[in-house]
Amino acid sequence: MAVVKVVELVGTSKASWQDAAEEAIREASQSLRNITGVDIVNQTAQVKDGKISEYRTTLNVAFVVEHHSHLVGTGAAAATKNV
């Protein structure tokens, strides 16, 4: 059975709300594996001189939590056992 975790992120863009969401996913993909979906929570914008200067998209990102049993016997704890 899989466990799914959800984190809230805010992406920003000078171009569009969609680009802001895609940028958040691009960045999240650098450190989160197994992203399975997103839920757009909110879209806002910063206005400067009567024009939108920055689009902001708040989204919940869902990803599958990895089971770490395959890591047993690795890492620092295992290295100190052999000393």
C-alpha atoms as a PDB file:
ATOM      1  CA  MET A   1       0.000   0.000   0.000  1.00  0.00           C
ATOM      2  CA  ALA A   2       1.368   3.436  -0.933  1.00  0.00           C
ATOM      3  CA  VAL A   3       1.521   6.473   1.300  1.00  0.00           C
ATOM      4  CA  VAL A   4       1.127   9.838  -0.403  1.00  0.00           C
ATOM      5  CA  LYS A   5       2.379  13.087   1.101  1.00  0.00           C
ATOM      6  CA  VAL A   6       1.152  16.531   0.077  1.00  0.00           C
ATOM      7  CA  VAL A   7       3.198  19.743   0.333  1.00  0.00           C
ATOM      8  CA  GLU A   8       2.114  23.275  -0.471  1.00  0.00           C
ATOM      9  CA  LEU A   9       4.300  25.308  -2.840  1.00  0.00           C
ATOM     10  CA  VAL A  10       4.137  28.750  -4.417  1.00  0.00           C
ATOM     11  CA  GLY A  11       5.553  29.210  -7.900  1.00  0.00           C
ATOM     12  CA  THR A  12       6.250  32.589  -9.465  1.00  0.00           C
ATOM     13  CA  SER A  13       6.561  33.782 -13.040  1.00  0.00           C
ATOM     14  CA  LYS A  14       6.726  36.993 -15.036  1.00  0.00           C
ATOM     15  CA  ALA A  15       4.716  35.323 -17.846  1.00  0.00           C
ATOM     16  CA  SER A  16       1.592  33.521 -16.518  1.00  0.00           C
ATOM     17  CA  TRP A  17      -0.078  31.543 -13.744  1.00  0.00           C
ATOM     18  CA  GLN A  18       0.469  28.330 -15.702  1.00  0.00           C
ATOM     19  CA  ASP A  19       4.170  29.092 -16.027  1.00  0.00           C
ATOM     20  CA  ALA A  20       4.310  29.796 -12.276  1.00  0.00           C
ATOM     21  CA  ALA A  21       2.779  26.361 -11.563  1.00  0.00           C
ATOM     22  CA  GLU A  22       5.131  24.637 -13.999  1.00  0.00           C
ATOM     23  CA  GLU A  23       8.132  26.385 -12.432  1.00  0.00           C
ATOM     24  CA  ALA A  24       7.075  25.146  -8.981  1.00  0.00           C
ATOM     25  CA  ILE A  25       6.857  21.579 -10.322  1.00  0.00           C
ATOM     26  CA  ARG A  26      10.231  21.898 -12.093  1.00  0.00           C
ATOM     27  CA  GLU A  27      11.882  23.038  -8.871  1.00  0.00           C
ATOM     28  CA  ALA A  28      10.091  20.433  -6.722  1.00  0.00           C
ATOM     29  CA  SER A  29      11.156  17.686  -9.124  1.00  0.00           C
ATOM     30  CA  GLN A  30      14.782  18.428  -8.245  1.00  0.00           C
ATOM     31  CA  SER A  31      14.285  17.107  -4.703  1.00  0.00           C
ATOM     32  CA  LEU A  32      10.966  15.210  -4.707  1.00  0.00           C
ATOM     33  CA  ARG A  33      10.586  11.923  -6.544  1.00  0.00           C
ATOM     34  CA  ASN A  34       7.367  10.189  -7.530  1.00  0.00           C
ATOM     35  CA  ILE A  35       5.233  13.323  -7.933  1.00  0.00           C
ATOM     36  CA  THR A  36       1.773  12.054  -8.818  1.00  0.00           C
ATOM     37  CA  GLY A  37      -0.360  15.174  -9.063  1.00  0.00           C
ATOM     38  CA  VAL A  38      -1.045  18.795  -8.247  1.00  0.00           C
ATOM     39  CA  ASP A  39      -4.026  20.739  -6.983  1.00  0.00           C
ATOM     40  CA  ILE A  40      -4.104  24.444  -7.815  1.00  0.00           C
ATOM     41  CA  VAL A  41      -5.147  26.153  -4.592  1.00  0.00           C
ATOM     42  CA  ASN A  42      -4.855  29.836  -5.450  1.00  0.00           C
ATOM     43  CA  GLN A  43      -3.658  32.239  -8.104  1.00  0.00           C
ATOM     44  CA  THR A  44      -2.563  35.759  -7.223  1.00  0.00           C
ATOM     45  CA  ALA A  45      -0.476  38.471  -8.796  1.00  0.00           C
ATOM     46  CA  GLN A  46       1.698  41.371  -7.821  1.00  0.00           C
ATOM     47  CA  VAL A  47       0.810  44.642  -9.562  1.00  0.00           C
ATOM     48  CA  LYS A  48       3.228  47.437 -10.341  1.00  0.00           C
ATOM     49  CA  ASP A  49       2.355  50.627 -12.248  1.00  0.00           C
ATOM     50  CA  GLY A  50      -1.085  49.288 -13.123  1.00  0.00           C
ATOM     51  CA  LYS A  51       0.243  46.072 -14.699  1.00  0.00           C
ATOM     52  CA  ILE A  52       0.823  42.546 -13.449  1.00  0.00           C
ATOM     53  CA  SER A  53       4.516  42.271 -12.657  1.00  0.00           C
ATOM     54  CA  GLU A  54       4.536  38.764 -11.185  1.00  0.00           C
ATOM     55  CA  TYR A  55       2.118  35.837 -11.298  1.00  0.00           C
ATOM     56  CA  ARG A  56       1.928  33.551  -8.256  1.00  0.00           C
ATOM     57  CA  THR A  57       0.339  30.120  -8.182  1.00  0.00           C
ATOM     58  CA  THR A  58      -0.154  28.229  -4.931  1.00  0.00           C
ATOM     59  CA  LEU A  59      -0.409  24.481  -5.412  1.00  0.00           C
ATOM     60  CA  ASN A  60      -0.491  21.305  -3.400  1.00  0.00           C
ATOM     61  CA  VAL A  61       1.927  18.731  -4.763  1.00  0.00           C
ATOM     62  CA  ALA A  62       1.313  15.033  -4.050  1.00  0.00           C
ATOM     63  CA  PHE A  63       4.087  12.466  -4.118  1.00  0.00           C
ATOM     64  CA  VAL A  64       4.495   8.838  -3.069  1.00  0.00           C
ATOM     65  CA  VAL A  65       6.574   8.361   0.081  1.00  0.00           C
ATOM     66  CA  GLU A  66       9.334   5.850  -0.554  1.00  0.00           C
ATOM     67  CA  HIS A  67       9.792   2.907   1.755  1.00  0.00           C
ATOM     68  CA  HIS A  68      13.369   2.917   3.022  1.00  0.00           C
ATOM     69  CA  SER A  69      13.727  -0.757   3.915  1.00  0.00           C
ATOM     70  CA  HIS A  70      15.986  -1.126   0.859  1.00  0.00           C
ATOM     71  CA  LEU A  71      18.440   1.216   2.617  1.00  0.00           C
ATOM     72  CA  VAL A  72      18.952  -0.999   5.672  1.00  0.00           C
ATOM     73  CA  GLY A  73      22.630  -1.822   6.013  1.00  0.00           C
ATOM     74  CA  THR A  74      23.825   1.255   4.148  1.00  0.00           C
ATOM     75  CA  GLY A  75      25.086   4.655   5.179  1.00  0.00           C
ATOM     76  CA  ALA A  76      26.940   5.882   8.253  1.00  0.00           C
ATOM     77  CA  ALA A  77      25.382   3.401  10.690  1.00  0.00           C
ATOM     78  CA  ALA A  78      26.541   0.442   8.608  1.00  0.00           C
ATOM     79  CA  ALA A  79      29.981   1.967   8.096  1.00  0.00           C
ATOM     80  CA  THR A  80      30.589   2.269  11.844  1.00  0.00           C
ATOM     81  CA  LYS A  81      29.592  -1.378  12.380  1.00  0.00           C
ATOM     82  CA  ASN A  82      32.550  -2.493  10.306  1.00  0.00           C
ATOM     83  CA  VAL A  83      35.108  -0.422  12.242  1.00  0.00           C
END
